[in-house]
Amino acid sequence: MPASDVPTPNSGSDAEAEEGDGDRDRPGVALTRSDERVLAYLGDAGTDYPAFVASNTGLYVDHVESRLDALEALGLVARVPGEEVFRITDDGRDALRDDCAPWSD
């Protein structure tokens, strides 16, 4: 696994269970750095095509497509109906905020 895809520390379900913020319905999500880049970009851009996400994040298109599929399965991004573009969901914003908080400053 490339270093950029190593999940960040304390981003899994164990960290959430220890903190006990009461949101037991949402499973803990360990984002990779690529996931963080994709989610952050979509958070700023609104919606975009996978190829543009890749060019604007410095990631390979195939990698972005696979990460978007995985993020969609987790409910963190969604395809815009009738289009091949993606947008970040509210859960994606929450996961990004929760995952990045310790190191983003």
C-alpha atoms as a PDB file:
ATOM      1  CA  MET A   1       0.000   0.000   0.000  1.00  0.00           C
ATOM      2  CA  PRO A   2       1.463   3.422  -0.962  1.00  0.00           C
ATOM      3  CA  ALA A   3       2.316   5.693   1.954  1.00  0.00           C
ATOM      4  CA  SER A   4      -0.399   8.124   0.829  1.00  0.00           C
ATOM      5  CA  ASP A   5      -3.006   5.398   1.343  1.00  0.00           C
ATOM      6  CA  VAL A   6      -2.098   4.458   4.885  1.00  0.00           C
ATOM      7  CA  PRO A   7      -5.055   5.270   7.135  1.00  0.00           C
ATOM      8  CA  THR A   8      -4.334   8.122   9.487  1.00  0.00           C
ATOM      9  CA  PRO A   9      -3.936   7.325  13.204  1.00  0.00           C
ATOM     10  CA  ASN A  10      -7.051   7.193  15.386  1.00  0.00           C
ATOM     11  CA  SER A  11      -9.395   7.335  12.412  1.00  0.00           C
ATOM     12  CA  GLY A  12     -11.037   3.936  12.886  1.00  0.00           C
ATOM     13  CA  SER A  13     -14.025   2.747  14.860  1.00  0.00           C
ATOM     14  CA  ASP A  14     -11.933   2.119  18.006  1.00  0.00           C
ATOM     15  CA  ALA A  15     -11.151   5.823  18.264  1.00  0.00           C
ATOM     16  CA  GLU A  16     -14.834   6.722  17.992  1.00  0.00           C
ATOM     17  CA  ALA A  17     -15.851   4.159  20.582  1.00  0.00           C
ATOM     18  CA  GLU A  18     -13.278   5.529  23.027  1.00  0.00           C
ATOM     19  CA  GLU A  19     -14.388   9.130  22.574  1.00  0.00           C
ATOM     20  CA  GLY A  20     -18.038   8.178  23.131  1.00  0.00           C
ATOM     21  CA  ASP A  21     -19.584  11.095  21.282  1.00  0.00           C
ATOM     22  CA  GLY A  22     -22.841   9.149  21.184  1.00  0.00           C
ATOM     23  CA  ASP A  23     -23.081   8.640  17.422  1.00  0.00           C
ATOM     24  CA  ARG A  24     -23.018   4.834  17.488  1.00  0.00           C
ATOM     25  CA  ASP A  25     -25.122   4.517  14.310  1.00  0.00           C
ATOM     26  CA  ARG A  26     -22.355   5.786  12.021  1.00  0.00           C
ATOM     27  CA  PRO A  27     -19.508   3.301  11.700  1.00  0.00           C
ATOM     28  CA  GLY A  28     -15.971   4.598  12.084  1.00  0.00           C
ATOM     29  CA  VAL A  29     -14.285   5.234   8.771  1.00  0.00           C
ATOM     30  CA  ALA A  30     -10.536   5.125   8.284  1.00  0.00           C
ATOM     31  CA  LEU A  31      -9.785   7.482   5.418  1.00  0.00           C
ATOM     32  CA  THR A  32      -6.631   7.202   3.376  1.00  0.00           C
ATOM     33  CA  ARG A  33      -4.745  10.351   2.477  1.00  0.00           C
ATOM     34  CA  SER A  34      -6.048   9.934  -1.065  1.00  0.00           C
ATOM     35  CA  ASP A  35      -9.597   9.795   0.324  1.00  0.00           C
ATOM     36  CA  GLU A  36      -8.946  12.970   2.278  1.00  0.00           C
ATOM     37  CA  ARG A  37      -7.657  14.729  -0.847  1.00  0.00           C
ATOM     38  CA  VAL A  38     -10.654  13.607  -2.906  1.00  0.00           C
ATOM     39  CA  LEU A  39     -13.186  14.571  -0.218  1.00  0.00           C
ATOM     40  CA  ALA A  40     -11.508  17.920   0.463  1.00  0.00           C
ATOM     41  CA  TYR A  41     -11.461  18.719  -3.254  1.00  0.00           C
ATOM     42  CA  LEU A  42     -15.134  17.804  -3.710  1.00  0.00           C
ATOM     43  CA  GLY A  43     -15.964  19.805  -0.597  1.00  0.00           C
ATOM     44  CA  ASP A  44     -14.449  22.874  -2.259  1.00  0.00           C
ATOM     45  CA  ALA A  45     -15.525  22.204  -5.855  1.00  0.00           C
ATOM     46  CA  GLY A  46     -19.051  20.959  -5.193  1.00  0.00           C
ATOM     47  CA  THR A  47     -19.241  18.369  -7.968  1.00  0.00           C
ATOM     48  CA  ASP A  48     -16.765  17.156 -10.558  1.00  0.00           C
ATOM     49  CA  TYR A  49     -15.818  14.384 -12.959  1.00  0.00           C
ATOM     50  CA  PRO A  50     -13.319  11.754 -11.786  1.00  0.00           C
ATOM     51  CA  ALA A  51     -10.755  12.899 -14.375  1.00  0.00           C
ATOM     52  CA  PHE A  52     -10.935  16.487 -13.095  1.00  0.00           C
ATOM     53  CA  VAL A  53     -10.777  15.301  -9.487  1.00  0.00           C
ATOM     54  CA  ALA A  54      -7.603  13.430 -10.427  1.00  0.00           C
ATOM     55  CA  SER A  55      -5.992  16.362 -12.232  1.00  0.00           C
ATOM     56  CA  ASN A  56      -6.831  18.759  -9.404  1.00  0.00           C
ATOM     57  CA  THR A  57      -5.572  16.472  -6.633  1.00  0.00           C
ATOM     58  CA  GLY A  58      -2.449  15.139  -8.342  1.00  0.00           C
ATOM     59  CA  LEU A  59      -3.726  11.545  -8.238  1.00  0.00           C
ATOM     60  CA  TYR A  60      -4.013   9.046 -11.078  1.00  0.00           C
ATOM     61  CA  VAL A  61      -7.443   8.754 -12.715  1.00  0.00           C
ATOM     62  CA  ASP A  62      -7.697   4.994 -12.107  1.00  0.00           C
ATOM     63  CA  HIS A  63      -6.875   5.496  -8.440  1.00  0.00           C
ATOM     64  CA  VAL A  64      -9.428   8.307  -8.075  1.00  0.00           C
ATOM     65  CA  GLU A  65     -12.100   6.177  -9.745  1.00  0.00           C
ATOM     66  CA  SER A  66     -11.448   3.286  -7.347  1.00  0.00           C
ATOM     67  CA  ARG A  67     -11.456   5.605  -4.318  1.00  0.00           C
ATOM     68  CA  LEU A  68     -14.692   7.264  -5.483  1.00  0.00           C
ATOM     69  CA  ASP A  69     -16.302   3.819  -5.784  1.00  0.00           C
ATOM     70  CA  ALA A  70     -15.157   2.952  -2.252  1.00  0.00           C
ATOM     71  CA  LEU A  71     -16.269   6.316  -0.859  1.00  0.00           C
ATOM     72  CA  GLU A  72     -19.633   5.929  -2.593  1.00  0.00           C
ATOM     73  CA  ALA A  73     -20.088   2.481  -1.010  1.00  0.00           C
ATOM     74  CA  LEU A  74     -19.473   4.126   2.392  1.00  0.00           C
ATOM     75  CA  GLY A  75     -21.976   6.890   1.633  1.00  0.00           C
ATOM     76  CA  LEU A  76     -19.320   9.617   1.743  1.00  0.00           C
ATOM     77  CA  VAL A  77     -19.780  10.691  -1.889  1.00  0.00           C
ATOM     78  CA  ALA A  78     -22.691  10.296  -4.280  1.00  0.00           C
ATOM     79  CA  ARG A  79     -23.039  10.248  -8.035  1.00  0.00           C
ATOM     80  CA  VAL A  80     -25.161  13.059  -9.372  1.00  0.00           C
ATOM     81  CA  PRO A  81     -28.222  11.362 -10.935  1.00  0.00           C
ATOM     82  CA  GLY A  82     -27.918  11.040 -14.706  1.00  0.00           C
ATOM     83  CA  GLU A  83     -24.329  12.281 -14.709  1.00  0.00           C
ATOM     84  CA  GLU A  84     -20.832  10.867 -14.265  1.00  0.00           C
ATOM     85  CA  VAL A  85     -19.956  13.466 -11.661  1.00  0.00           C
ATOM     86  CA  PHE A  86     -19.621  13.039  -7.921  1.00  0.00           C
ATOM     87  CA  ARG A  87     -20.431  15.235  -4.944  1.00  0.00           C
ATOM     88  CA  ILE A  88     -19.504  14.943  -1.279  1.00  0.00           C
ATOM     89  CA  THR A  89     -22.309  14.007   1.118  1.00  0.00           C
ATOM     90  CA  ASP A  90     -22.935  15.375   4.595  1.00  0.00           C
ATOM     91  CA  ASP A  91     -21.490  12.122   5.991  1.00  0.00           C
ATOM     92  CA  GLY A  92     -18.413  12.696   3.819  1.00  0.00           C
ATOM     93  CA  ARG A  93     -17.961  16.187   5.264  1.00  0.00           C
ATOM     94  CA  ASP A  94     -18.324  14.774   8.783  1.00  0.00           C
ATOM     95  CA  ALA A  95     -15.840  11.964   8.116  1.00  0.00           C
ATOM     96  CA  LEU A  96     -13.337  14.403   6.633  1.00  0.00           C
ATOM     97  CA  ARG A  97     -13.691  16.791   9.561  1.00  0.00           C
ATOM     98  CA  ASP A  98     -13.402  13.955  12.117  1.00  0.00           C
ATOM     99  CA  ASP A  99     -10.471  12.286  10.357  1.00  0.00           C
ATOM    100  CA  CYS A 100      -8.383  15.366   9.585  1.00  0.00           C
ATOM    101  CA  ALA A 101      -8.828  17.321  12.802  1.00  0.00           C
ATOM    102  CA  PRO A 102      -5.732  15.987  14.667  1.00  0.00           C
ATOM    103  CA  TRP A 103      -3.184  16.796  11.960  1.00  0.00           C
ATOM    104  CA  SER A 104      -4.697  19.455   9.699  1.00  0.00           C
ATOM    105  CA  ASP A 105      -3.557  22.485  11.715  1.00  0.00           C
END
